[in-house]
C-alpha cells in the first residue's frame, strides 16, 4: 500500500495578497524599492529593535557583516 501524499505546505492567499503582488509588479520595483524599507521598519518594530535589514536568503546575513540583533525565541511566531 502506497503512503498517503504529504503536502509540503498549504498557503492561504487572499485578495489583498494578490493585490499587493500586482502592485509590486506594476510599480517598476521588482528587487528593491519603498516596500523593502517598509518591511524593514515593520519587522524591526515587531522585534523591538531600532533597525531591521532585509536580505534575499537565509544565509545572506553571514555575508552582510551586520551584527544580528538579539531576538528572544518567544518573539518568534510558531505556525
PDB file of N, CA and C in Angstrom:
ATOM      1  N   UNK A   1       0.842  -1.183   0.000  1.00  0.00           N
ATOM      2  CA  UNK A   1       0.000   0.000   0.000  1.00  0.00           C
ATOM      3  C   UNK A   1       0.885   1.243   0.000  1.00  0.00           C
ATOM      4  N   UNK A   2       0.631   2.146  -0.898  1.00  0.00           N
ATOM      5  CA  UNK A   2       1.411   3.381  -1.004  1.00  0.00           C
ATOM      6  C   UNK A   2       1.050   4.333   0.138  1.00  0.00           C
ATOM      7  N   UNK A   3       2.051   5.043   0.675  1.00  0.00           N
ATOM      8  CA  UNK A   3       1.744   6.011   1.737  1.00  0.00           C
ATOM      9  C   UNK A   3       0.917   7.171   1.196  1.00  0.00           C
ATOM     10  N   UNK A   4       0.126   7.757   2.070  1.00  0.00           N
ATOM     11  CA  UNK A   4      -0.682   8.915   1.676  1.00  0.00           C
ATOM     12  C   UNK A   4       0.235  10.078   1.317  1.00  0.00           C
ATOM     13  N   UNK A   5      -0.189  10.885   0.387  1.00  0.00           N
ATOM     14  CA  UNK A   5       0.595  12.045  -0.034  1.00  0.00           C
ATOM     15  C   UNK A   5       0.672  13.061   1.099  1.00  0.00           C
ATOM     16  N   UNK A   6       1.874  13.518   1.395  1.00  0.00           N
ATOM     17  CA  UNK A   6       2.079  14.521   2.432  1.00  0.00           C
ATOM     18  C   UNK A   6       2.481  15.824   1.746  1.00  0.00           C
ATOM     19  N   UNK A   7       1.582  16.800   1.689  1.00  0.00           N
ATOM     20  CA  UNK A   7       1.919  18.065   1.004  1.00  0.00           C
ATOM     21  C   UNK A   7       2.980  18.841   1.779  1.00  0.00           C
ATOM     22  N   UNK A   8       3.777  19.587   1.065  1.00  0.00           N
ATOM     23  CA  UNK A   8       4.824  20.401   1.683  1.00  0.00           C
ATOM     24  C   UNK A   8       4.236  21.460   2.593  1.00  0.00           C
ATOM     25  N   UNK A   9       3.204  22.095   2.164  1.00  0.00           N
ATOM     26  CA  UNK A   9       2.574  23.141   2.962  1.00  0.00           C
ATOM     27  C   UNK A   9       1.307  23.619   2.280  1.00  0.00           C
ATOM     28  N   UNK A  10       0.513  24.315   3.029  1.00  0.00           N
ATOM     29  CA  UNK A  10      -0.713  24.864   2.463  1.00  0.00           C
ATOM     30  C   UNK A  10      -0.737  26.351   2.768  1.00  0.00           C
ATOM     31  N   UNK A  11      -0.844  27.142   1.745  1.00  0.00           N
ATOM     32  CA  UNK A  11      -0.854  28.582   1.889  1.00  0.00           C
ATOM     33  C   UNK A  11      -2.277  29.117   1.834  1.00  0.00           C
ATOM     34  N   UNK A  12      -2.449  30.230   2.503  1.00  0.00           N
ATOM     35  CA  UNK A  12      -3.722  30.939   2.415  1.00  0.00           C
ATOM     36  C   UNK A  12      -3.444  32.244   1.683  1.00  0.00           C
ATOM     37  N   UNK A  13      -3.920  32.353   0.464  1.00  0.00           N
ATOM     38  CA  UNK A  13      -3.710  33.544  -0.344  1.00  0.00           C
ATOM     39  C   UNK A  13      -5.061  34.218  -0.532  1.00  0.00           C
ATOM     40  N   UNK A  14      -5.157  35.438  -0.012  1.00  0.00           N
ATOM     41  CA  UNK A  14      -6.413  36.186  -0.093  1.00  0.00           C
ATOM     42  C   UNK A  14      -6.274  37.303  -1.124  1.00  0.00           C
ATOM     43  N   UNK A  15      -7.375  37.948  -1.441  1.00  0.00           N
ATOM     44  CA  UNK A  15      -7.383  39.001  -2.467  1.00  0.00           C
ATOM     45  C   UNK A  15      -6.376  40.116  -2.173  1.00  0.00           C
ATOM     46  N   UNK A  16      -6.202  40.466  -0.887  1.00  0.00           N
ATOM     47  CA  UNK A  16      -5.248  41.530  -0.534  1.00  0.00           C
ATOM     48  C   UNK A  16      -3.819  41.128  -0.896  1.00  0.00           C
ATOM     49  N   UNK A  17      -3.502  39.832  -0.774  1.00  0.00           N
ATOM     50  CA  UNK A  17      -2.173  39.346  -1.154  1.00  0.00           C
ATOM     51  C   UNK A  17      -1.955  39.486  -2.662  1.00  0.00           C
ATOM     52  N   UNK A  18      -2.945  39.083  -3.435  1.00  0.00           N
ATOM     53  CA  UNK A  18      -2.859  39.177  -4.898  1.00  0.00           C
ATOM     54  C   UNK A  18      -2.726  40.639  -5.309  1.00  0.00           C
ATOM     55  N   UNK A  19      -3.499  41.513  -4.682  1.00  0.00           N
ATOM     56  CA  UNK A  19      -3.435  42.947  -4.995  1.00  0.00           C
ATOM     57  C   UNK A  19      -2.042  43.501  -4.696  1.00  0.00           C
ATOM     58  N   UNK A  20      -1.453  43.117  -3.570  1.00  0.00           N
ATOM     59  CA  UNK A  20      -0.114  43.603  -3.204  1.00  0.00           C
ATOM     60  C   UNK A  20       0.938  43.131  -4.205  1.00  0.00           C
ATOM     61  N   UNK A  21       0.815  41.888  -4.665  1.00  0.00           N
ATOM     62  CA  UNK A  21       1.770  41.363  -5.653  1.00  0.00           C
ATOM     63  C   UNK A  21       1.632  42.114  -6.973  1.00  0.00           C
ATOM     64  N   UNK A  22       0.407  42.324  -7.427  1.00  0.00           N
ATOM     65  CA  UNK A  22       0.175  43.053  -8.680  1.00  0.00           C
ATOM     66  C   UNK A  22       0.724  44.475  -8.578  1.00  0.00           C
ATOM     67  N   UNK A  23       0.479  45.139  -7.438  1.00  0.00           N
ATOM     68  CA  UNK A  23       1.012  46.499  -7.238  1.00  0.00           C
ATOM     69  C   UNK A  23       2.536  46.506  -7.302  1.00  0.00           C
ATOM     70  N   UNK A  24       3.163  45.523  -6.674  1.00  0.00           N
ATOM     71  CA  UNK A  24       4.623  45.451  -6.696  1.00  0.00           C
ATOM     72  C   UNK A  24       5.132  45.211  -8.122  1.00  0.00           C
ATOM     73  N   UNK A  25       4.495  44.306  -8.847  1.00  0.00           N
ATOM     74  CA  UNK A  25       4.921  44.011 -10.220  1.00  0.00           C
ATOM     75  C   UNK A  25       4.752  45.213 -11.139  1.00  0.00           C
ATOM     76  N   UNK A  26       3.713  45.994 -10.931  1.00  0.00           N
ATOM     77  CA  UNK A  26       3.440  47.149 -11.788  1.00  0.00           C
ATOM     78  C   UNK A  26       4.187  48.407 -11.354  1.00  0.00           C
ATOM     79  N   UNK A  27       4.823  48.379 -10.198  1.00  0.00           N
ATOM     80  CA  UNK A  27       5.469  49.574  -9.656  1.00  0.00           C
ATOM     81  C   UNK A  27       6.810  49.896 -10.312  1.00  0.00           C
ATOM     82  N   UNK A  28       7.399  48.906 -10.984  1.00  0.00           N
ATOM     83  CA  UNK A  28       8.729  49.116 -11.544  1.00  0.00           C
ATOM     84  C   UNK A  28       9.838  48.739 -10.570  1.00  0.00           C
ATOM     85  N   UNK A  29       9.495  48.359  -9.364  1.00  0.00           N
ATOM     86  CA  UNK A  29      10.470  47.948  -8.345  1.00  0.00           C
ATOM     87  C   UNK A  29      10.276  46.454  -8.085  1.00  0.00           C
ATOM     88  N   UNK A  30      11.087  45.621  -8.723  1.00  0.00           N
ATOM     89  CA  UNK A  30      10.932  44.184  -8.533  1.00  0.00           C
ATOM     90  C   UNK A  30      11.897  43.614  -7.500  1.00  0.00           C
ATOM     91  N   UNK A  31      13.028  44.266  -7.266  1.00  0.00           N
ATOM     92  CA  UNK A  31      14.001  43.705  -6.327  1.00  0.00           C
ATOM     93  C   UNK A  31      14.317  44.630  -5.171  1.00  0.00           C
ATOM     94  N   UNK A  32      14.064  45.890  -5.314  1.00  0.00           N
ATOM     95  CA  UNK A  32      14.307  46.860  -4.248  1.00  0.00           C
ATOM     96  C   UNK A  32      13.158  47.855  -4.269  1.00  0.00           C
ATOM     97  N   UNK A  33      13.250  48.870  -3.481  1.00  0.00           N
ATOM     98  CA  UNK A  33      12.225  49.900  -3.534  1.00  0.00           C
ATOM     99  C   UNK A  33      11.618  50.205  -2.191  1.00  0.00           C
ATOM    100  N   UNK A  34      10.580  51.025  -2.204  1.00  0.00           N
ATOM    101  CA  UNK A  34       9.998  51.511  -0.957  1.00  0.00           C
ATOM    102  C   UNK A  34       9.396  50.417  -0.080  1.00  0.00           C
ATOM    103  N   UNK A  35       8.922  49.341  -0.646  1.00  0.00           N
ATOM    104  CA  UNK A  35       8.332  48.276   0.168  1.00  0.00           C
ATOM    105  C   UNK A  35       9.365  47.567   1.029  1.00  0.00           C
ATOM    106  N   UNK A  36      10.608  47.537   0.579  1.00  0.00           N
ATOM    107  CA  UNK A  36      11.665  46.911   1.373  1.00  0.00           C
ATOM    108  C   UNK A  36      11.870  47.703   2.667  1.00  0.00           C
ATOM    109  N   UNK A  37      11.947  49.018   2.549  1.00  0.00           N
ATOM    110  CA  UNK A  37      12.102  49.862   3.727  1.00  0.00           C
ATOM    111  C   UNK A  37      10.922  49.743   4.680  1.00  0.00           C
ATOM    112  N   UNK A  38       9.729  49.660   4.119  1.00  0.00           N
ATOM    113  CA  UNK A  38       8.526  49.489   4.945  1.00  0.00           C
ATOM    114  C   UNK A  38       8.592  48.166   5.709  1.00  0.00           C
ATOM    115  N   UNK A  39       9.015  47.111   5.016  1.00  0.00           N
ATOM    116  CA  UNK A  39       9.131  45.803   5.662  1.00  0.00           C
ATOM    117  C   UNK A  39      10.187  45.831   6.768  1.00  0.00           C
ATOM    118  N   UNK A  40      11.343  46.438   6.488  1.00  0.00           N
ATOM    119  CA  UNK A  40      12.409  46.504   7.490  1.00  0.00           C
ATOM    120  C   UNK A  40      11.943  47.235   8.749  1.00  0.00           C
ATOM    121  N   UNK A  41      11.246  48.339   8.572  1.00  0.00           N
ATOM    122  CA  UNK A  41      10.750  49.091   9.728  1.00  0.00           C
ATOM    123  C   UNK A  41       9.710  48.293  10.507  1.00  0.00           C
ATOM    124  N   UNK A  42       8.800  47.645   9.804  1.00  0.00           N
ATOM    125  CA  UNK A  42       7.759  46.855  10.476  1.00  0.00           C
ATOM    126  C   UNK A  42       8.369  45.667  11.216  1.00  0.00           C
ATOM    127  N   UNK A  43       9.346  45.020  10.605  1.00  0.00           N
ATOM    128  CA  UNK A  43       9.978  43.863  11.245  1.00  0.00           C
ATOM    129  C   UNK A  43      10.791  44.296  12.460  1.00  0.00           C
ATOM    130  N   UNK A  44      11.494  45.415  12.344  1.00  0.00           N
ATOM    131  CA  UNK A  44      12.260  45.936  13.480  1.00  0.00           C
ATOM    132  C   UNK A  44      11.321  46.274  14.635  1.00  0.00           C
ATOM    133  N   UNK A  45      10.188  46.884  14.330  1.00  0.00           N
ATOM    134  CA  UNK A  45       9.218  47.221  15.374  1.00  0.00           C
ATOM    135  C   UNK A  45       8.683  45.956  16.032  1.00  0.00           C
ATOM    136  N   UNK A  46       8.399  44.952  15.241  1.00  0.00           N
ATOM    137  CA  UNK A  46       7.901  43.679  15.762  1.00  0.00           C
ATOM    138  C   UNK A  46       8.914  43.034  16.702  1.00  0.00           C
ATOM    139  N   UNK A  47      10.206  43.137  16.324  1.00  0.00           N
ATOM    140  CA  UNK A  47      11.281  42.529  17.125  1.00  0.00           C
ATOM    141  C   UNK A  47      11.711  43.405  18.290  1.00  0.00           C
ATOM    142  N   UNK A  48      11.255  44.644  18.309  1.00  0.00           N
ATOM    143  CA  UNK A  48      11.642  45.553  19.379  1.00  0.00           C
ATOM    144  C   UNK A  48      13.046  46.085  19.230  1.00  0.00           C
ATOM    145  N   UNK A  49      13.510  46.230  17.988  1.00  0.00           N
ATOM    146  CA  UNK A  49      14.843  46.768  17.719  1.00  0.00           C
ATOM    147  C   UNK A  49      14.728  48.081  16.968  1.00  0.00           C
ATOM    148  N   UNK A  50      15.825  48.826  16.940  1.00  0.00           N
ATOM    149  CA  UNK A  50      15.828  50.125  16.266  1.00  0.00           C
ATOM    150  C   UNK A  50      15.951  49.983  14.756  1.00  0.00           C
ATOM    151  N   UNK A  51      16.580  48.929  14.296  1.00  0.00           N
ATOM    152  CA  UNK A  51      16.854  48.751  12.867  1.00  0.00           C
ATOM    153  C   UNK A  51      16.466  47.349  12.419  1.00  0.00           C
ATOM    154  N   UNK A  52      16.178  47.226  11.134  1.00  0.00           N
ATOM    155  CA  UNK A  52      15.926  45.933  10.515  1.00  0.00           C
ATOM    156  C   UNK A  52      16.562  45.916   9.144  1.00  0.00           C
ATOM    157  N   UNK A  53      17.057  44.757   8.719  1.00  0.00           N
ATOM    158  CA  UNK A  53      17.693  44.629   7.410  1.00  0.00           C
ATOM    159  C   UNK A  53      17.077  43.447   6.683  1.00  0.00           C
ATOM    160  N   UNK A  54      16.552  43.682   5.503  1.00  0.00           N
ATOM    161  CA  UNK A  54      16.011  42.605   4.677  1.00  0.00           C
ATOM    162  C   UNK A  54      17.126  42.044   3.801  1.00  0.00           C
ATOM    163  N   UNK A  55      17.183  40.726   3.709  1.00  0.00           N
ATOM    164  CA  UNK A  55      18.163  40.063   2.848  1.00  0.00           C
ATOM    165  C   UNK A  55      17.431  39.080   1.949  1.00  0.00           C
ATOM    166  N   UNK A  56      18.132  38.534   0.964  1.00  0.00           N
ATOM    167  CA  UNK A  56      17.470  37.719  -0.043  1.00  0.00           C
ATOM    168  C   UNK A  56      17.446  36.228   0.266  1.00  0.00           C
ATOM    169  N   UNK A  57      18.100  35.788   1.342  1.00  0.00           N
ATOM    170  CA  UNK A  57      18.097  34.366   1.657  1.00  0.00           C
ATOM    171  C   UNK A  57      18.455  34.155   3.119  1.00  0.00           C
ATOM    172  N   UNK A  58      18.350  32.919   3.571  1.00  0.00           N
ATOM    173  CA  UNK A  58      18.669  32.610   4.957  1.00  0.00           C
ATOM    174  C   UNK A  58      20.145  32.646   5.274  1.00  0.00           C
ATOM    175  N   UNK A  59      20.999  32.516   4.253  1.00  0.00           N
ATOM    176  CA  UNK A  59      22.442  32.537   4.502  1.00  0.00           C
ATOM    177  C   UNK A  59      23.058  33.914   4.290  1.00  0.00           C
ATOM    178  N   UNK A  60      22.349  34.815   3.684  1.00  0.00           N
ATOM    179  CA  UNK A  60      22.905  36.137   3.379  1.00  0.00           C
ATOM    180  C   UNK A  60      23.377  36.913   4.608  1.00  0.00           C
ATOM    181  N   UNK A  61      22.729  36.820   5.768  1.00  0.00           N
ATOM    182  CA  UNK A  61      23.237  37.567   6.926  1.00  0.00           C
ATOM    183  C   UNK A  61      24.685  37.235   7.272  1.00  0.00           C
ATOM    184  N   UNK A  62      25.141  36.032   6.919  1.00  0.00           N
ATOM    185  CA  UNK A  62      26.524  35.656   7.196  1.00  0.00           C
ATOM    186  C   UNK A  62      27.508  36.520   6.397  1.00  0.00           C
ATOM    187  N   UNK A  63      27.059  37.055   5.300  1.00  0.00           N
ATOM    188  CA  UNK A  63      27.937  37.827   4.423  1.00  0.00           C
ATOM    189  C   UNK A  63      27.757  39.333   4.567  1.00  0.00           C
ATOM    190  N   UNK A  64      26.751  39.780   5.289  1.00  0.00           N
ATOM    191  CA  UNK A  64      26.485  41.207   5.378  1.00  0.00           C
ATOM    192  C   UNK A  64      27.371  41.930   6.374  1.00  0.00           C
ATOM    193  N   UNK A  65      27.943  41.197   7.327  1.00  0.00           N
ATOM    194  CA  UNK A  65      28.773  41.769   8.384  1.00  0.00           C
ATOM    195  C   UNK A  65      28.000  42.769   9.225  1.00  0.00           C
ATOM    196  N   UNK A  66      26.693  42.562   9.286  1.00  0.00           N
ATOM    197  CA  UNK A  66      25.830  43.368  10.149  1.00  0.00           C
ATOM    198  C   UNK A  66      25.522  42.502  11.363  1.00  0.00           C
ATOM    199  N   UNK A  67      25.797  42.996  12.567  1.00  0.00           N
ATOM    200  CA  UNK A  67      25.504  42.165  13.739  1.00  0.00           C
ATOM    201  C   UNK A  67      24.015  41.863  13.851  1.00  0.00           C
ATOM    202  N   UNK A  68      23.707  40.641  14.190  1.00  0.00           N
ATOM    203  CA  UNK A  68      22.306  40.247  14.352  1.00  0.00           C
ATOM    204  C   UNK A  68      21.772  40.790  15.666  1.00  0.00           C
ATOM    205  N   UNK A  69      20.593  41.370  15.638  1.00  0.00           N
ATOM    206  CA  UNK A  69      20.001  41.810  16.912  1.00  0.00           C
ATOM    207  C   UNK A  69      19.584  40.594  17.726  1.00  0.00           C
ATOM    208  N   UNK A  70      19.575  40.719  19.011  1.00  0.00           N
ATOM    209  CA  UNK A  70      19.110  39.644  19.866  1.00  0.00           C
ATOM    210  C   UNK A  70      17.611  39.494  19.681  1.00  0.00           C
ATOM    211  N   UNK A  71      17.174  38.318  19.337  1.00  0.00           N
ATOM    212  CA  UNK A  71      15.753  38.044  19.138  1.00  0.00           C
ATOM    213  C   UNK A  71      15.366  36.875  20.024  1.00  0.00           C
ATOM    214  N   UNK A  72      14.700  37.143  21.140  1.00  0.00           N
ATOM    215  CA  UNK A  72      14.307  36.047  22.029  1.00  0.00           C
ATOM    216  C   UNK A  72      13.408  35.055  21.302  1.00  0.00           C
ATOM    217  N   UNK A  73      13.537  33.800  21.628  1.00  0.00           N
ATOM    218  CA  UNK A  73      12.741  32.757  20.979  1.00  0.00           C
ATOM    219  C   UNK A  73      11.244  32.986  21.160  1.00  0.00           C
ATOM    220  N   UNK A  74      10.827  33.577  22.276  1.00  0.00           N
ATOM    221  CA  UNK A  74       9.401  33.785  22.484  1.00  0.00           C
ATOM    222  C   UNK A  74       8.817  34.815  21.535  1.00  0.00           C
ATOM    223  N   UNK A  75       9.678  35.602  20.852  1.00  0.00           N
ATOM    224  CA  UNK A  75       9.185  36.585  19.892  1.00  0.00           C
ATOM    225  C   UNK A  75       8.844  35.942  18.552  1.00  0.00           C
ATOM    226  N   UNK A  76       9.388  34.760  18.310  1.00  0.00           N
ATOM    227  CA  UNK A  76       9.145  34.092  17.031  1.00  0.00           C
ATOM    228  C   UNK A  76       7.767  33.437  17.038  1.00  0.00           C
ATOM    229  N   UNK A  77       7.015  33.668  15.992  1.00  0.00           N
ATOM    230  CA  UNK A  77       5.693  33.068  15.893  1.00  0.00           C
ATOM    231  C   UNK A  77       5.839  31.622  15.417  1.00  0.00           C
ATOM    232  N   UNK A  78       5.072  30.772  15.963  1.00  0.00           N
ATOM    233  CA  UNK A  78       5.035  29.374  15.542  1.00  0.00           C
ATOM    234  C   UNK A  78       3.813  29.171  14.660  1.00  0.00           C
ATOM    235  N   UNK A  79       4.018  28.563  13.505  1.00  0.00           N
ATOM    236  CA  UNK A  79       2.891  28.329  12.596  1.00  0.00           C
ATOM    237  C   UNK A  79       2.611  26.856  12.497  1.00  0.00           C
TER     238      UNK A  79
END
